[in-house]
Amino acid sequence: MNETIVVGVDGSSGASAALEWAAAEAALRRAPLLLTHASRLLEPGSMLGREALERLREERWRLLESTREGLLRGLPELRVELKLEADDPAQVLTELSRTALMVVVGTRGAGGFERLLLGSVGLHVAAHGHCPVVVVPRGGERERGDRIVLGVDERHRESAAIGWAFAEADLRGAPLAALHAVGGFGAPGQRIGEQMELSEALAGRVSDHPDVAVEYVLAETTPARALVEASEEAALLVLGARRRRPGLGAMPGRVGHAVLHHSACPVVVVAEPGEG
């Protein structure tokens, strides 16, 4: 695993939001940023003739170069690499995730199979990525608050997501809200029990990151609603995703799907160790 942050570029507003977020994160971490554009239209033998194919390749390469130039005007210290691939965008980003620090995608793309990035590309990469995958909604690069929200499920075992969230909060000097939604409290004392379980689950990380201010939040609503509502005033939302069996990926189920579609801030999907 190296320290490169990978982001997909296609010139759309959705991809621009992801690009802005990725560049800021790379600057914060002093990490190299890899801009990649991929399309099956660039494949030899595609529906395009040779001359049209060559023009398209030159056009897409210029897109990458102009994007890099724009970034360097604002962040001259940034290390930016370019990669043009004649392949499916989801496959390219997933393959790059094998050696990346993180992969960043937008919720919308532009044109053809790349139009619905969340549905066809973003969701695939979030499910099959080998590193944390950040999905940035349009407008999500503009932070509504500084805190990081960590979604903790009923079993409190998202060790990789917990570790990532604490490390990111430490890096940013940001407060961390550990959110656990239970849908409602029935028996007396249940809230106290849930609060104790939540604090115990995070005790080790709190000890490792003493400078991070942690707030324990118990929401009496559904997990998806609680997380989406929390995203309105968050800089970042962190979700764990359990690996199932090989080939099925690691998406965090219906809750994660709803959050990725409706979150107002960037969402980080961190796959938990396991099969797959």
Protein backbone atom coordinates (compact mmCIF):
# COMPACT_ATOMS: atom_id res chain seq x y z
CA MET A 1 0.00 0.00 0.00
CA ASN A 2 1.52 3.35 -1.00
CA GLU A 3 0.50 6.88 -0.07
CA THR A 4 -1.11 7.91 -3.39
CA ILE A 5 -4.62 9.34 -3.46
CA VAL A 6 -6.46 8.38 -6.66
CA VAL A 7 -9.30 10.40 -8.14
CA GLY A 8 -11.33 9.89 -11.31
CA VAL A 9 -11.54 12.82 -13.72
CA ASP A 10 -14.12 13.30 -16.49
CA GLY A 11 -14.77 17.05 -16.55
CA SER A 12 -18.22 16.85 -14.95
CA SER A 13 -19.34 18.92 -11.97
CA GLY A 14 -19.60 15.76 -9.86
CA ALA A 15 -16.05 14.76 -10.70
CA SER A 16 -14.88 18.33 -10.04
CA ALA A 17 -16.25 18.14 -6.50
CA ALA A 18 -14.37 14.87 -5.95
CA LEU A 19 -11.23 16.39 -7.46
CA GLU A 20 -11.35 19.42 -5.15
CA TRP A 21 -11.78 17.21 -2.09
CA ALA A 22 -9.00 14.81 -3.16
CA ALA A 23 -6.56 17.65 -3.83
CA ALA A 24 -7.20 19.19 -0.40
CA GLU A 25 -6.72 15.79 1.25
CA ALA A 26 -3.49 15.16 -0.67
CA ALA A 27 -2.17 18.57 0.39
CA LEU A 28 -3.11 17.86 4.01
CA ARG A 29 -1.32 14.52 3.96
CA ARG A 30 1.51 15.71 1.68
CA ALA A 31 0.65 12.72 -0.49
CA PRO A 32 0.89 12.40 -4.28
CA LEU A 33 -2.35 12.71 -6.22
CA LEU A 34 -3.07 10.49 -9.24
CA LEU A 35 -5.59 11.86 -11.73
CA THR A 36 -7.03 9.14 -13.90
CA HIS A 37 -9.46 9.11 -16.78
CA ALA A 38 -10.75 5.83 -18.17
CA SER A 39 -13.16 4.99 -20.97
CA ARG A 40 -13.91 1.96 -23.13
CA LEU A 41 -14.21 4.35 -26.06
CA LEU A 42 -10.42 4.59 -26.00
CA GLU A 43 -9.98 0.88 -26.63
CA PRO A 44 -8.50 -0.15 -30.01
CA GLY A 45 -11.25 -1.66 -32.08
CA SER A 46 -13.97 0.45 -30.47
CA MET A 47 -16.75 1.96 -32.60
CA LEU A 48 -14.46 4.89 -33.45
CA GLY A 49 -12.20 4.96 -36.48
CA ARG A 50 -8.44 5.29 -36.04
CA GLU A 51 -8.31 9.05 -36.58
CA ALA A 52 -11.31 9.71 -34.34
CA LEU A 53 -9.82 7.45 -31.68
CA GLU A 54 -6.53 9.33 -31.77
CA ARG A 55 -8.31 12.67 -31.49
CA LEU A 56 -10.30 11.40 -28.52
CA ARG A 57 -7.16 10.20 -26.77
CA GLU A 58 -5.52 13.58 -27.29
CA GLU A 59 -8.63 15.35 -26.02
CA ARG A 60 -8.82 13.22 -22.87
CA TRP A 61 -5.10 13.64 -22.22
CA ARG A 62 -5.47 17.41 -22.54
CA LEU A 63 -8.31 17.20 -20.01
CA LEU A 64 -5.95 15.53 -17.54
CA GLU A 65 -3.16 18.03 -18.23
CA SER A 66 -5.41 21.08 -17.90
CA THR A 67 -6.86 19.64 -14.68
CA ARG A 68 -3.35 19.23 -13.28
CA GLU A 69 -2.42 22.78 -14.30
CA GLY A 70 -5.51 24.14 -12.55
CA LEU A 71 -4.68 22.28 -9.35
CA LEU A 72 -1.06 23.42 -9.33
CA ARG A 73 -2.09 27.06 -9.63
CA GLY A 74 -3.82 26.79 -6.28
CA LEU A 75 -1.58 24.14 -4.69
CA PRO A 76 1.87 24.50 -6.28
CA GLU A 77 3.46 22.08 -3.82
CA LEU A 78 1.13 19.24 -4.85
CA ARG A 79 2.65 16.21 -6.59
CA VAL A 80 0.27 15.28 -9.41
CA GLU A 81 0.51 12.25 -11.70
CA LEU A 82 -1.68 11.43 -14.71
CA LYS A 83 -3.04 8.14 -16.01
CA LEU A 84 -5.17 7.56 -19.11
CA GLU A 85 -6.73 4.10 -19.46
CA ALA A 86 -8.67 2.41 -22.26
CA ASP A 87 -10.91 0.39 -19.97
CA ASP A 88 -14.02 0.48 -17.82
CA PRO A 89 -13.74 3.28 -15.20
CA ALA A 90 -15.00 1.10 -12.35
CA GLN A 91 -12.48 -1.64 -13.14
CA VAL A 92 -9.60 0.82 -13.44
CA LEU A 93 -10.36 2.54 -10.13
CA THR A 94 -10.85 -0.78 -8.37
CA GLU A 95 -7.52 -2.06 -9.66
CA LEU A 96 -5.76 1.15 -8.64
CA SER A 97 -7.25 0.80 -5.16
CA ARG A 98 -5.01 -2.23 -4.57
CA THR A 99 -2.03 0.04 -4.00
CA ALA A 100 -3.66 3.40 -3.17
CA LEU A 101 -4.05 5.20 0.13
CA MET A 102 -7.62 6.04 -0.89
CA VAL A 103 -9.77 6.38 -4.01
CA VAL A 104 -12.07 9.38 -4.46
CA VAL A 105 -15.11 9.40 -6.76
CA GLY A 106 -18.01 11.76 -7.41
CA THR A 107 -21.70 10.99 -7.36
CA ARG A 108 -22.23 11.97 -10.99
CA GLY A 109 -20.17 11.61 -14.11
CA ALA A 110 -20.60 12.78 -17.67
CA GLY A 111 -21.64 10.98 -20.81
CA GLY A 112 -22.36 7.40 -21.80
CA PHE A 113 -21.61 4.67 -19.29
CA GLU A 114 -19.80 7.23 -17.12
CA ARG A 115 -22.88 9.38 -16.50
CA LEU A 116 -24.13 7.77 -13.28
CA LEU A 117 -20.95 7.53 -11.25
CA LEU A 118 -22.71 6.62 -8.02
CA GLY A 119 -24.83 3.94 -9.59
CA SER A 120 -22.37 2.35 -11.98
CA VAL A 121 -18.90 3.41 -10.90
CA GLY A 122 -18.98 4.85 -7.38
CA LEU A 123 -21.02 2.00 -5.92
CA HIS A 124 -18.85 -0.61 -7.62
CA VAL A 125 -15.63 0.94 -6.33
CA ALA A 126 -17.08 1.42 -2.84
CA ALA A 127 -18.09 -2.25 -2.80
CA HIS A 128 -14.94 -3.75 -4.28
CA GLY A 129 -12.21 -1.25 -3.42
CA HIS A 130 -9.15 -2.53 -1.56
CA CYS A 131 -8.61 0.77 0.28
CA PRO A 132 -10.92 3.41 1.76
CA VAL A 133 -13.22 4.84 -0.92
CA VAL A 134 -14.51 8.41 -0.63
CA VAL A 135 -17.74 9.35 -2.40
CA VAL A 136 -18.10 13.14 -2.73
CA PRO A 137 -21.56 14.55 -3.55
CA ARG A 138 -21.89 17.63 -5.69
CA GLY A 139 -21.33 20.50 -3.26
CA GLY A 140 -19.91 18.09 -0.68
CA GLU A 141 -16.44 19.59 -1.03
CA ARG A 142 -17.77 22.64 0.83
CA GLU A 143 -17.60 21.62 4.46
CA ARG A 144 -20.66 22.48 6.55
CA GLY A 145 -18.82 21.83 9.81
CA ASP A 146 -15.48 20.51 10.98
CA ARG A 147 -16.49 17.35 12.78
CA ILE A 148 -16.10 13.82 11.49
CA VAL A 149 -19.07 11.50 12.04
CA LEU A 150 -18.37 7.81 12.53
CA GLY A 151 -21.26 5.40 12.09
CA VAL A 152 -21.06 2.56 14.64
CA ASP A 153 -23.44 -0.37 14.20
CA GLU A 154 -25.16 -2.54 16.78
CA ARG A 155 -22.14 -4.81 17.20
CA HIS A 156 -19.59 -2.00 17.49
CA ARG A 157 -16.97 -3.94 15.53
CA GLU A 158 -16.00 -1.61 12.70
CA SER A 159 -12.36 -1.70 13.80
CA ALA A 160 -10.92 -0.52 10.48
CA ALA A 161 -13.48 2.28 10.14
CA ILE A 162 -12.99 3.33 13.75
CA GLY A 163 -9.22 3.44 13.31
CA TRP A 164 -9.49 5.40 10.06
CA ALA A 165 -11.92 7.93 11.54
CA PHE A 166 -9.77 8.59 14.61
CA ALA A 167 -6.60 8.95 12.53
CA GLU A 168 -8.32 11.39 10.16
CA ALA A 169 -9.74 13.42 13.05
CA ASP A 170 -6.28 13.56 14.61
CA LEU A 171 -4.73 14.66 11.31
CA ARG A 172 -7.31 17.43 10.82
CA GLY A 173 -7.49 18.48 14.46
CA ALA A 174 -11.22 17.86 14.18
CA PRO A 175 -13.77 16.61 16.73
CA LEU A 176 -15.23 13.14 16.22
CA ALA A 177 -18.86 12.17 16.74
CA ALA A 178 -19.40 8.43 17.22
CA LEU A 179 -23.01 7.88 16.18
CA HIS A 180 -25.02 4.78 17.05
CA ALA A 181 -28.68 4.61 16.03
CA VAL A 182 -30.99 2.11 17.71
CA GLY A 183 -34.40 3.16 16.42
CA GLY A 184 -35.81 3.85 19.90
CA PHE A 185 -35.25 2.90 23.52
CA GLY A 186 -37.74 0.56 25.16
CA ALA A 187 -36.62 -0.83 28.51
CA PRO A 188 -35.49 1.56 31.27
CA GLY A 189 -31.75 1.81 31.42
CA GLN A 190 -31.27 0.72 27.81
CA ARG A 191 -29.83 4.11 26.89
CA ILE A 192 -27.25 3.87 29.67
CA GLY A 193 -26.29 0.38 28.52
CA GLU A 194 -25.94 1.46 24.92
CA GLN A 195 -23.85 4.45 25.96
CA MET A 196 -21.51 2.22 27.98
CA GLU A 197 -21.13 -0.25 25.13
CA LEU A 198 -20.33 2.53 22.69
CA SER A 199 -17.71 4.14 24.92
CA GLU A 200 -16.14 0.73 25.68
CA ALA A 201 -15.96 -0.08 21.96
CA LEU A 202 -13.95 3.10 21.35
CA ALA A 203 -11.87 3.12 24.53
CA GLY A 204 -8.71 1.83 22.85
CA ARG A 205 -8.87 4.39 20.05
CA VAL A 206 -9.55 7.23 22.50
CA SER A 207 -6.40 6.20 24.35
CA ASP A 208 -4.41 6.10 21.08
CA HIS A 209 -5.64 9.56 20.04
CA PRO A 210 -5.88 11.62 23.25
CA ASP A 211 -6.06 14.92 21.35
CA VAL A 212 -9.28 13.98 19.55
CA ALA A 213 -12.42 15.34 21.20
CA VAL A 214 -15.01 12.54 21.07
CA GLU A 215 -18.76 12.91 21.38
CA TYR A 216 -20.93 9.81 21.82
CA VAL A 217 -24.25 10.21 20.03
CA LEU A 218 -27.18 7.84 20.46
CA ALA A 219 -29.96 8.49 17.93
CA GLU A 220 -33.51 7.29 18.52
CA THR A 221 -34.16 6.79 14.82
CA THR A 222 -33.04 4.53 11.98
CA PRO A 223 -29.32 4.38 11.17
CA ALA A 224 -29.77 5.73 7.63
CA ARG A 225 -31.86 8.71 8.77
CA ALA A 226 -29.49 9.48 11.66
CA LEU A 227 -26.42 9.41 9.43
CA VAL A 228 -27.97 11.47 6.63
CA GLU A 229 -29.16 14.07 9.14
CA ALA A 230 -25.71 14.17 10.76
CA SER A 231 -24.12 14.71 7.33
CA GLU A 232 -25.78 18.13 7.07
CA GLU A 233 -23.31 19.60 9.55
CA ALA A 234 -20.33 17.29 9.08
CA ALA A 235 -17.09 17.52 7.18
CA LEU A 236 -16.94 13.78 6.63
CA LEU A 237 -18.98 10.65 7.31
CA VAL A 238 -17.17 7.34 7.93
CA LEU A 239 -18.83 3.95 7.44
CA GLY A 240 -17.49 0.44 7.91
CA ALA A 241 -18.32 -2.25 5.36
CA ARG A 242 -17.99 -5.96 6.10
CA ARG A 243 -16.50 -8.20 3.50
CA ARG A 244 -18.78 -11.04 2.60
CA ARG A 245 -17.57 -13.86 0.40
CA PRO A 246 -15.29 -13.41 -2.63
CA GLY A 247 -16.90 -11.59 -5.52
CA LEU A 248 -19.68 -9.97 -3.50
CA GLY A 249 -17.73 -6.96 -2.29
CA ALA A 250 -18.07 -5.13 0.99
CA MET A 251 -20.91 -2.61 0.74
CA PRO A 252 -22.46 -1.71 4.11
CA GLY A 253 -25.93 -2.94 3.07
CA ARG A 254 -29.08 -0.87 2.75
CA VAL A 255 -27.93 1.73 5.26
CA GLY A 256 -24.72 2.42 3.36
CA HIS A 257 -26.56 2.54 0.06
CA ALA A 258 -29.04 5.11 1.40
CA VAL A 259 -26.28 7.21 2.94
CA LEU A 260 -24.21 7.24 -0.25
CA HIS A 261 -27.21 8.48 -2.19
CA HIS A 262 -28.38 11.14 0.24
CA SER A 263 -25.42 12.34 2.31
CA ALA A 264 -24.74 16.07 2.17
CA CYS A 265 -21.04 15.57 2.91
CA PRO A 266 -18.35 13.19 1.60
CA VAL A 267 -18.72 9.57 2.73
CA VAL A 268 -15.75 7.29 3.37
CA VAL A 269 -16.39 3.55 3.04
CA VAL A 270 -13.76 1.53 4.91
CA ALA A 271 -13.84 -2.22 4.25
CA GLU A 272 -13.32 -4.40 7.32
CA PRO A 273 -10.77 -7.24 7.20
CA GLY A 274 -12.25 -10.59 6.27
CA GLU A 275 -13.02 -12.69 3.26
CA GLY A 276 -13.07 -11.29 -0.23
